[in-house]
Protein backbone atom coordinates (compact mmCIF):
# COMPACT_ATOMS: atom_id res chain seq x y z
CA UNK A 1 -66.65 14.96 -15.82
CA UNK A 2 -69.70 12.82 -15.10
CA UNK A 3 -73.15 13.94 -16.24
CA UNK A 4 -76.33 12.16 -15.30
CA UNK A 5 -79.46 12.03 -17.35
CA UNK A 6 -82.17 9.81 -18.77
CA UNK A 7 -83.50 8.68 -22.12
CA UNK A 8 -86.68 10.29 -23.39
CA UNK A 9 -88.11 9.19 -26.74
CA UNK A 10 -84.76 7.62 -27.63
CA UNK A 11 -82.73 10.76 -26.91
CA UNK A 12 -80.37 11.25 -23.97
CA UNK A 13 -81.49 14.23 -21.87
CA UNK A 14 -79.11 15.53 -19.22
CA UNK A 15 -80.56 16.20 -15.77
CA UNK A 16 -78.49 19.38 -15.44
CA UNK A 17 -77.08 21.51 -18.25
CA UNK A 18 -73.43 20.83 -19.09
CA UNK A 19 -71.30 23.13 -21.20
CA UNK A 20 -69.27 21.07 -23.64
CA UNK A 21 -67.50 22.28 -26.76
CA UNK A 22 -68.81 21.25 -30.16
CA UNK A 23 -67.17 18.05 -31.27
CA UNK A 24 -66.38 16.88 -27.74
CA UNK A 25 -66.23 13.11 -27.49
CA UNK A 26 -68.65 11.64 -24.99
CA UNK A 27 -69.23 8.16 -23.68
CA UNK A 28 -72.63 6.92 -22.59
CA UNK A 29 -72.90 4.08 -20.10
CA UNK A 30 -76.31 2.62 -19.29
CA UNK A 31 -76.70 1.86 -15.60
CA UNK A 32 -79.40 0.04 -13.71
CA UNK A 33 -80.83 2.45 -11.13
CA UNK A 34 -81.17 -0.40 -8.62
CA UNK A 35 -77.46 -1.27 -8.78
CA UNK A 36 -74.87 0.82 -6.94
CA UNK A 37 -72.18 2.36 -9.12
CA UNK A 38 -68.47 1.74 -8.53
CA UNK A 39 -68.23 5.27 -7.10
CA UNK A 40 -71.02 4.49 -4.59
CA UNK A 41 -69.20 1.30 -3.57
CA UNK A 42 -65.90 3.16 -3.16
CA UNK A 43 -67.52 5.77 -0.91
CA UNK A 44 -69.29 3.13 1.18
CA UNK A 45 -66.06 1.14 1.57
CA UNK A 46 -64.14 4.26 2.61
CA UNK A 47 -66.82 5.14 5.16
CA UNK A 48 -66.65 1.63 6.65
CA UNK A 49 -62.84 1.77 6.78
CA UNK A 50 -62.79 5.20 8.44
CA UNK A 51 -65.38 4.16 11.04
CA UNK A 52 -62.68 1.95 12.55
CA UNK A 53 -60.95 5.14 13.74
CA UNK A 54 -64.05 6.97 15.03
CA UNK A 55 -63.58 8.18 18.60
CA UNK A 56 -60.06 6.76 18.96
CA UNK A 57 -57.96 9.91 18.60
CA UNK A 58 -57.06 11.60 21.88
CA UNK A 59 -55.35 14.86 22.75
CA UNK A 60 -56.84 16.82 19.85
CA UNK A 61 -58.06 20.41 20.34
CA UNK A 62 -61.81 20.71 20.94
CA UNK A 63 -62.21 22.62 17.67
CA UNK A 64 -60.11 20.21 15.56
CA UNK A 65 -62.98 19.23 13.25
CA UNK A 66 -64.10 22.81 12.64
CA UNK A 67 -60.55 24.13 12.18
CA UNK A 68 -58.86 21.19 10.48
CA UNK A 69 -57.39 23.47 7.79
CA UNK A 70 -55.85 25.64 10.50
CA UNK A 71 -54.17 22.71 12.23
CA UNK A 72 -53.04 21.00 9.01
CA UNK A 73 -52.13 23.94 6.78
CA UNK A 74 -52.00 27.04 9.01
CA UNK A 75 -55.14 28.68 7.56
CA UNK A 76 -56.99 31.17 9.80
CA UNK A 77 -59.33 29.63 12.38
CA UNK A 78 -63.07 29.75 11.73
């Protein structure tokens, strides 16, 4: 689980409430807001890689994007 927050008067304040049991171990990592996180870089890299395939698939049903779960897993169409 990742929780985001900020420091106010020397105390970490979470941006959104998070239910954690008493005694749970937590790790705090200070990040520079101007630097992208590894997760941001991973998403950007994946988007660049997938763009290579944009518009190249042929023969798909017109509703393939909307009903991807139907065509992959047999779920009801939307």
